[in-house]
Amino acid sequence: MLIAELRADQAESQSRTKAEVECLMTHRLMILLIALMPLEAMADDSAILDKDFALMMTWLPGIYDNQEQVYFEDEQDVADTLRHERVHTVLKPVKLPRFGDHVFYLQQYVNDDPAQLSRARLYVLNPDYERNVVAMQIYNFDVPELLADVHLDPTQLAQLTTDQVHTMLGCEVLWRRTANQFLGQTQRQACTKMSTESAEHTSINRYFLLTEDALWISDRAHNETDKPVAGQADRVPFKHRKARQFECWMTATQRDGDSTFRRGLTVHDQGGMIWLETEEDAPQQVGIKLRNVRWPYGRNRPSLVLYAHKPDQDKAVSYAWADPSAQRIGINLRWMQASCTLTPHSVGPTQ
């Protein structure tokens, strides 16, 4: 009887010990899994960021213009103080290893006039895994006029050093993907500079939106009391649309009945324009303008439109239109003809 009781006690003790061991092992396993979860999540975030960054690198480069924004602000009689000036933007990747692996040259001119250079910068972008963002550092050229149109000959940048550009601490732009677009902005109040006029600090806040076919940019400056001192009064950004390039031929009738013909002319579909001058005494001019129109209101359908122009006339003398995805468009007015074909990889300066 005694022996049987001892055996029962031993079995109960062994069972309890086994249960305690299993409980302890389960507890330790749970701790290990919990500890590994952030690492697994970090690995997933890094993979997602890498994929988003690769997509961003394919979307960002290109030629942009806010011609449509300017046109429809005029059509809607937007107040002069709220209108945007026309800005033409070039964003092209350049090889500058001393700055980073992903460097873009940005150039902007205003009023459809390449001589009115308004901005030249370098954008250096890299994935930031700790903050799970794409970080963009902006470099300004000390003498931007000397580097005008270097996107046409990037070798001019080969000797560029960090001493020839400057950047501002705290002014990096942090990009995050939201649905099918990328949103970028500086950290509020982090980017500041001292005003030479008022001897007070000015906060610069930059905002970006990037999609497959658009780039919106907004720069706003506030003083120490958060009063706006620069930027659009209504905070509406510059809405640039990515341009497609076309190669065109044109012909115009001379006074003697012969024709002047040109081919290999390059133009973009965000308000790009070409002028042809006839080969005769007292030459005549005829121009074409190409727009990919998207009405922001009403029921009109988006259209690719080719306009014919004469000098000193604001309105086109005639126009033709096609589907916005069309790869070719032409016009024939007898006294002039033109045809433009989509050539995304065409070589040559854009008018």
Protein backbone atom coordinates (compact mmCIF):
# COMPACT_ATOMS: atom_id res chain seq x y z
CA MET A 1 0.00 0.00 0.00
CA LEU A 2 2.81 2.37 0.96
CA ILE A 3 4.73 1.51 -2.16
CA ALA A 4 1.70 2.21 -4.31
CA GLU A 5 1.23 5.63 -2.71
CA LEU A 6 4.92 6.49 -3.28
CA ARG A 7 4.62 5.53 -6.92
CA ALA A 8 1.53 7.69 -7.31
CA ASP A 9 3.31 10.66 -5.73
CA GLN A 10 6.30 10.20 -8.08
CA ALA A 11 4.01 10.02 -11.13
CA GLU A 12 2.18 13.14 -10.05
CA SER A 13 5.49 14.95 -9.46
CA GLN A 14 6.84 13.90 -12.86
CA SER A 15 3.63 14.97 -14.55
CA ARG A 16 3.74 18.34 -12.78
CA THR A 17 7.42 18.81 -13.68
CA LYS A 18 6.73 17.95 -17.32
CA ALA A 19 3.85 20.42 -17.45
CA GLU A 20 6.00 23.14 -15.87
CA VAL A 21 8.77 22.48 -18.38
CA GLU A 22 6.33 22.64 -21.29
CA CYS A 23 4.86 25.84 -19.90
CA LEU A 24 8.32 27.37 -19.51
CA MET A 25 9.31 26.37 -23.06
CA THR A 26 6.08 27.80 -24.46
CA HIS A 27 6.71 31.05 -22.56
CA ARG A 28 10.25 31.33 -23.86
CA LEU A 29 9.10 30.57 -27.42
CA MET A 30 6.51 33.32 -27.22
CA ILE A 31 9.15 35.78 -26.01
CA LEU A 32 11.41 34.78 -28.92
CA LEU A 33 8.61 35.19 -31.47
CA ILE A 34 7.69 38.59 -30.06
CA ALA A 35 11.34 39.64 -30.24
CA LEU A 36 11.60 38.52 -33.86
CA MET A 37 8.41 40.21 -35.00
CA PRO A 38 9.94 43.73 -35.35
CA LEU A 39 12.81 42.26 -37.36
CA GLU A 40 10.39 40.50 -39.69
CA ALA A 41 8.29 43.65 -40.00
CA MET A 42 11.43 45.68 -40.67
CA ALA A 43 12.46 43.24 -43.37
CA ASP A 44 9.02 43.57 -44.99
CA ASP A 45 9.11 47.38 -44.75
CA SER A 46 12.57 47.45 -46.34
CA ALA A 47 11.43 45.29 -49.24
CA ILE A 48 8.38 47.47 -49.79
CA LEU A 49 10.48 50.65 -49.62
CA ASP A 50 12.94 49.23 -52.16
CA LYS A 51 10.10 48.49 -54.58
CA ASP A 52 8.51 51.90 -54.07
CA PHE A 53 11.88 53.60 -54.56
CA ALA A 54 12.44 51.74 -57.84
CA LEU A 55 9.02 52.88 -59.07
CA MET A 56 9.73 56.45 -58.01
CA MET A 57 12.99 56.41 -59.97
CA THR A 58 11.06 55.53 -63.14
CA TRP A 59 8.37 58.17 -62.59
CA LEU A 60 10.51 61.15 -61.58
CA PRO A 61 12.66 61.89 -64.67
CA GLY A 62 11.06 63.76 -67.53
CA ILE A 63 9.94 67.08 -68.96
CA TYR A 64 7.11 68.85 -67.15
CA ASP A 65 5.05 71.98 -67.81
CA ASN A 66 2.08 73.68 -66.13
CA GLN A 67 0.70 75.08 -69.40
CA GLU A 68 -2.74 73.58 -68.73
CA GLN A 69 -2.94 75.14 -65.27
CA VAL A 70 -2.03 78.56 -66.65
CA TYR A 71 -4.47 78.26 -69.57
CA PHE A 72 -7.48 77.29 -67.47
CA GLU A 73 -6.76 79.89 -64.78
CA ASP A 74 -7.10 82.45 -67.56
CA GLU A 75 -10.26 80.78 -68.86
CA GLN A 76 -11.81 80.89 -65.38
CA ASP A 77 -10.78 84.52 -64.73
CA VAL A 78 -8.80 83.59 -61.63
CA ALA A 79 -7.65 86.70 -59.75
CA ASP A 80 -4.24 87.95 -60.87
CA THR A 81 -2.83 87.58 -57.36
CA LEU A 82 -3.70 83.88 -57.37
CA ARG A 83 -2.52 82.98 -60.87
CA HIS A 84 0.54 80.84 -61.49
CA GLU A 85 3.22 81.82 -63.93
CA ARG A 86 4.08 79.26 -66.54
CA VAL A 87 7.01 77.08 -65.49
CA HIS A 88 8.84 74.58 -67.70
CA THR A 89 10.71 71.90 -65.77
CA VAL A 90 13.38 69.42 -66.82
CA LEU A 91 14.33 66.57 -64.45
CA LYS A 92 17.09 64.35 -65.75
CA PRO A 93 19.24 61.71 -63.98
CA VAL A 94 22.95 62.48 -64.01
CA LYS A 95 25.99 60.50 -62.91
CA LEU A 96 27.65 62.25 -59.98
CA PRO A 97 29.01 59.51 -57.68
CA ARG A 98 30.47 62.05 -55.25
CA PHE A 99 26.91 63.15 -54.46
CA GLY A 100 25.22 59.74 -54.50
CA ASP A 101 23.86 56.93 -56.64
CA HIS A 102 20.56 58.60 -57.51
CA VAL A 103 21.14 62.20 -58.60
CA PHE A 104 18.83 64.33 -60.76
CA TYR A 105 19.47 67.67 -62.39
CA LEU A 106 16.49 70.05 -62.22
CA GLN A 107 16.15 73.13 -64.40
CA GLN A 108 13.18 75.50 -64.64
CA TYR A 109 12.45 78.51 -66.80
CA VAL A 110 9.38 80.74 -66.81
CA ASN A 111 7.02 82.35 -69.34
CA ASP A 112 7.89 79.76 -72.01
CA ASP A 113 11.25 81.51 -72.45
CA PRO A 114 14.44 79.42 -72.01
CA ALA A 115 16.38 82.64 -71.42
CA GLN A 116 14.39 83.22 -68.20
CA LEU A 117 16.10 80.58 -66.10
CA SER A 118 14.47 80.56 -62.68
CA ARG A 119 15.92 77.54 -60.93
CA ALA A 120 18.73 74.99 -61.28
CA ARG A 121 19.25 72.34 -58.62
CA LEU A 122 20.45 68.86 -57.86
CA TYR A 123 18.12 66.36 -56.22
CA VAL A 124 19.85 63.48 -54.42
CA LEU A 125 17.50 60.68 -53.38
CA ASN A 126 18.04 57.57 -51.27
CA PRO A 127 15.85 55.13 -49.36
CA ASP A 128 16.03 55.76 -45.60
CA TYR A 129 15.26 52.43 -43.94
CA GLU A 130 15.30 53.73 -40.38
CA ARG A 131 12.52 56.25 -41.07
CA ASN A 132 10.92 54.16 -43.83
CA VAL A 133 10.93 57.07 -46.28
CA VAL A 134 12.74 58.24 -49.40
CA ALA A 135 14.98 61.13 -48.36
CA MET A 136 15.77 63.85 -50.90
CA GLN A 137 18.52 66.39 -50.35
CA ILE A 138 18.36 69.55 -52.47
CA TYR A 139 21.55 71.28 -53.64
CA ASN A 140 21.55 74.78 -55.11
CA PHE A 141 24.19 75.96 -57.55
CA ASP A 142 26.23 79.00 -56.54
CA VAL A 143 26.09 80.32 -60.13
CA PRO A 144 23.16 78.53 -61.82
CA GLU A 145 23.40 80.54 -65.04
CA LEU A 146 26.75 78.90 -65.86
CA LEU A 147 25.08 75.49 -65.91
CA ALA A 148 22.05 76.32 -68.04
CA ASP A 149 20.95 73.44 -70.28
CA VAL A 150 23.56 71.00 -68.95
CA HIS A 151 20.89 68.30 -69.30
CA LEU A 152 21.65 68.49 -73.03
CA ASP A 153 25.34 67.79 -72.33
CA PRO A 154 25.69 66.18 -68.85
CA THR A 155 29.46 65.94 -69.28
CA GLN A 156 29.58 69.58 -68.16
CA LEU A 157 28.69 68.36 -64.68
CA ALA A 158 31.56 65.86 -64.56
CA GLN A 159 33.88 68.26 -62.74
CA LEU A 160 31.24 69.58 -60.35
CA THR A 161 32.36 69.47 -56.72
CA THR A 162 30.50 69.89 -53.46
CA ASP A 163 32.21 73.29 -53.07
CA GLN A 164 30.23 74.63 -56.04
CA VAL A 165 26.82 73.89 -54.53
CA HIS A 166 25.19 74.52 -51.19
CA THR A 167 22.38 72.98 -49.20
CA MET A 168 20.50 73.98 -46.07
CA LEU A 169 20.41 71.85 -42.95
CA GLY A 170 16.97 70.56 -42.05
CA CYS A 171 15.67 71.11 -45.57
CA GLU A 172 15.61 67.53 -46.81
CA VAL A 173 12.35 66.36 -48.33
CA LEU A 174 10.86 63.12 -47.01
CA TRP A 175 8.81 61.14 -49.52
CA ARG A 176 6.19 58.54 -48.67
CA ARG A 177 4.01 56.50 -50.96
CA THR A 178 0.27 57.00 -50.51
CA ALA A 179 -1.92 54.80 -52.72
CA ASN A 180 -0.69 55.35 -56.30
CA GLN A 181 1.26 58.54 -55.68
CA PHE A 182 4.24 59.81 -53.72
CA LEU A 183 3.95 62.72 -51.30
CA GLY A 184 7.06 64.62 -50.21
CA GLN A 185 7.55 67.45 -47.77
CA THR A 186 10.08 69.06 -45.48
CA GLN A 187 9.61 68.69 -41.77
CA ARG A 188 7.65 71.71 -40.65
CA GLN A 189 9.75 74.47 -39.03
CA ALA A 190 12.93 72.43 -39.60
CA CYS A 191 14.08 74.30 -42.72
CA THR A 192 14.87 77.90 -41.80
CA LYS A 193 17.03 80.78 -42.97
CA MET A 194 17.75 84.28 -41.73
CA SER A 195 16.06 87.03 -43.72
CA THR A 196 18.50 89.72 -44.90
CA GLU A 197 15.72 92.31 -44.91
CA SER A 198 13.99 91.78 -41.56
CA ALA A 199 16.73 90.01 -39.58
CA GLU A 200 14.30 87.31 -38.53
CA HIS A 201 14.11 83.61 -39.22
CA THR A 202 12.00 82.44 -42.14
CA SER A 203 10.63 78.92 -42.23
CA ILE A 204 10.60 77.25 -45.66
CA ASN A 205 8.12 74.46 -46.23
CA ARG A 206 8.29 72.46 -49.45
CA TYR A 207 5.59 70.12 -50.70
CA PHE A 208 5.67 67.68 -53.62
CA LEU A 209 3.25 65.27 -55.24
CA LEU A 210 4.45 62.78 -57.85
CA THR A 211 2.38 60.47 -60.05
CA GLU A 212 3.19 58.62 -63.23
CA ASP A 213 2.32 61.68 -65.34
CA ALA A 214 2.40 64.70 -63.01
CA LEU A 215 4.60 66.59 -60.56
CA TRP A 216 3.12 69.21 -58.24
CA ILE A 217 5.45 71.56 -56.38
CA SER A 218 4.71 74.13 -53.69
CA ASP A 219 7.21 76.27 -51.79
CA ARG A 220 5.88 78.34 -48.90
CA ALA A 221 7.75 80.60 -46.53
CA HIS A 222 6.54 81.86 -43.13
CA ASN A 223 8.06 84.29 -40.67
CA GLU A 224 8.47 83.72 -36.93
CA THR A 225 4.78 84.54 -36.32
CA ASP A 226 3.77 81.97 -38.99
CA LYS A 227 2.67 84.72 -41.39
CA PRO A 228 3.16 83.79 -45.08
CA VAL A 229 5.92 85.83 -46.71
CA ALA A 230 6.36 83.90 -49.97
CA GLY A 231 4.52 81.32 -52.04
CA GLN A 232 1.06 81.14 -53.54
CA ALA A 233 -1.51 83.04 -51.50
CA ASP A 234 -4.13 80.32 -51.97
CA ARG A 235 -1.59 77.52 -51.38
CA VAL A 236 -2.44 75.94 -54.72
CA PRO A 237 0.72 74.20 -55.98
CA PHE A 238 2.30 74.47 -59.40
CA LYS A 239 0.63 71.60 -61.24
CA HIS A 240 3.12 70.31 -63.78
CA ARG A 241 2.12 67.56 -66.18
CA LYS A 242 4.68 65.24 -67.72
CA ALA A 243 5.21 65.91 -71.42
CA ARG A 244 5.46 63.45 -74.27
CA GLN A 245 7.85 64.33 -77.06
CA PHE A 246 6.86 64.35 -80.72
CA GLU A 247 8.89 64.65 -83.91
CA CYS A 248 7.28 66.82 -86.57
CA TRP A 249 7.59 67.95 -90.16
CA MET A 250 6.19 71.25 -91.40
CA THR A 251 5.71 73.00 -94.71
CA ALA A 252 4.60 76.55 -95.54
CA THR A 253 3.74 78.13 -98.89
CA GLN A 254 5.93 80.99 -100.08
CA ARG A 255 4.70 84.01 -102.06
CA ASP A 256 6.10 82.56 -105.28
CA GLY A 257 4.09 79.37 -104.85
CA ASP A 258 7.00 77.19 -103.78
CA SER A 259 7.12 75.67 -100.30
CA THR A 260 9.58 75.65 -97.43
CA PHE A 261 9.86 72.22 -95.81
CA ARG A 262 11.43 71.13 -92.53
CA ARG A 263 11.57 67.77 -90.82
CA GLY A 264 13.08 66.48 -87.56
CA LEU A 265 11.48 69.22 -85.45
CA THR A 266 10.93 68.23 -81.83
CA VAL A 267 8.08 69.48 -79.68
CA HIS A 268 6.30 68.35 -76.51
CA ASP A 269 2.56 68.01 -75.90
CA GLN A 270 2.32 70.32 -72.87
CA GLY A 271 2.21 73.56 -74.84
CA GLY A 272 5.38 73.09 -76.87
CA MET A 273 5.69 75.39 -79.89
CA ILE A 274 7.69 75.43 -83.15
CA TRP A 275 8.08 78.29 -85.63
CA LEU A 276 8.95 77.77 -89.29
CA GLU A 277 10.39 80.61 -91.39
CA THR A 278 9.98 80.49 -95.16
CA GLU A 279 13.06 80.64 -97.41
CA GLU A 280 12.34 83.82 -99.36
CA ASP A 281 12.92 87.55 -99.30
CA ALA A 282 10.93 89.02 -96.42
CA PRO A 283 10.39 85.58 -94.83
CA GLN A 284 7.03 84.63 -93.40
CA GLN A 285 6.49 82.64 -90.21
CA VAL A 286 4.02 79.92 -89.29
CA GLY A 287 3.91 78.11 -85.99
CA ILE A 288 2.39 74.99 -84.48
CA LYS A 289 1.57 74.33 -80.85
CA LEU A 290 0.82 70.95 -79.30
CA ARG A 291 -1.32 70.43 -76.19
CA ASN A 292 -2.69 67.38 -74.43
CA VAL A 293 -5.79 69.02 -72.99
CA ARG A 294 -7.65 67.83 -69.91
CA TRP A 295 -10.55 70.07 -68.99
CA PRO A 296 -10.82 70.51 -65.20
CA TYR A 297 -14.54 71.19 -65.56
CA GLY A 298 -17.42 70.58 -67.95
CA ARG A 299 -18.06 67.57 -70.17
CA ASN A 300 -15.38 68.03 -72.84
CA ARG A 301 -13.28 64.95 -73.43
CA PRO A 302 -9.48 64.99 -73.05
CA SER A 303 -7.88 65.61 -76.46
CA LEU A 304 -4.53 65.90 -78.15
CA VAL A 305 -4.72 69.22 -80.02
CA LEU A 306 -2.46 70.61 -82.76
CA TYR A 307 -2.82 74.38 -83.34
CA ALA A 308 -1.65 76.47 -86.30
CA HIS A 309 -0.46 79.99 -85.45
CA LYS A 310 0.58 83.17 -87.19
CA PRO A 311 2.83 85.80 -85.59
CA ASP A 312 1.24 88.56 -83.52
CA GLN A 313 -2.03 86.64 -83.18
CA ASP A 314 -2.85 85.25 -79.74
CA LYS A 315 -5.49 82.86 -81.00
CA ALA A 316 -4.75 79.97 -83.32
CA VAL A 317 -5.91 80.34 -86.91
CA SER A 318 -7.05 76.72 -86.87
CA TYR A 319 -6.58 73.43 -85.05
CA ALA A 320 -7.03 69.66 -85.26
CA TRP A 321 -7.61 67.18 -82.48
CA ALA A 322 -7.31 63.48 -81.73
CA ASP A 323 -7.58 61.01 -78.87
CA PRO A 324 -5.16 61.98 -76.06
CA SER A 325 -3.31 58.68 -76.44
CA ALA A 326 -2.82 59.19 -80.20
CA GLN A 327 0.69 58.63 -81.50
CA ARG A 328 0.26 60.84 -84.56
CA ILE A 329 -1.63 64.02 -85.39
CA GLY A 330 -1.63 66.29 -88.44
CA ILE A 331 -3.19 69.37 -89.97
CA ASN A 332 -3.53 70.58 -93.59
CA LEU A 333 -4.66 74.15 -94.32
CA ARG A 334 -3.33 74.18 -97.89
CA TRP A 335 -1.02 77.12 -97.19
CA MET A 336 0.63 75.14 -94.39
CA GLN A 337 0.82 71.51 -93.34
CA ALA A 338 2.25 69.74 -90.30
CA SER A 339 2.40 66.25 -88.89
CA CYS A 340 3.75 65.14 -85.50
CA THR A 341 4.55 61.57 -84.42
CA LEU A 342 5.16 60.37 -80.88
CA THR A 343 8.85 59.58 -80.38
CA PRO A 344 9.44 59.12 -76.63
CA HIS A 345 13.15 58.52 -77.14
CA SER A 346 13.77 61.15 -79.79
CA VAL A 347 17.06 63.00 -79.53
CA GLY A 348 17.37 66.75 -79.58
CA PRO A 349 16.44 69.82 -77.60
CA THR A 350 12.80 70.33 -76.81
CA GLN A 351 11.32 73.58 -78.01
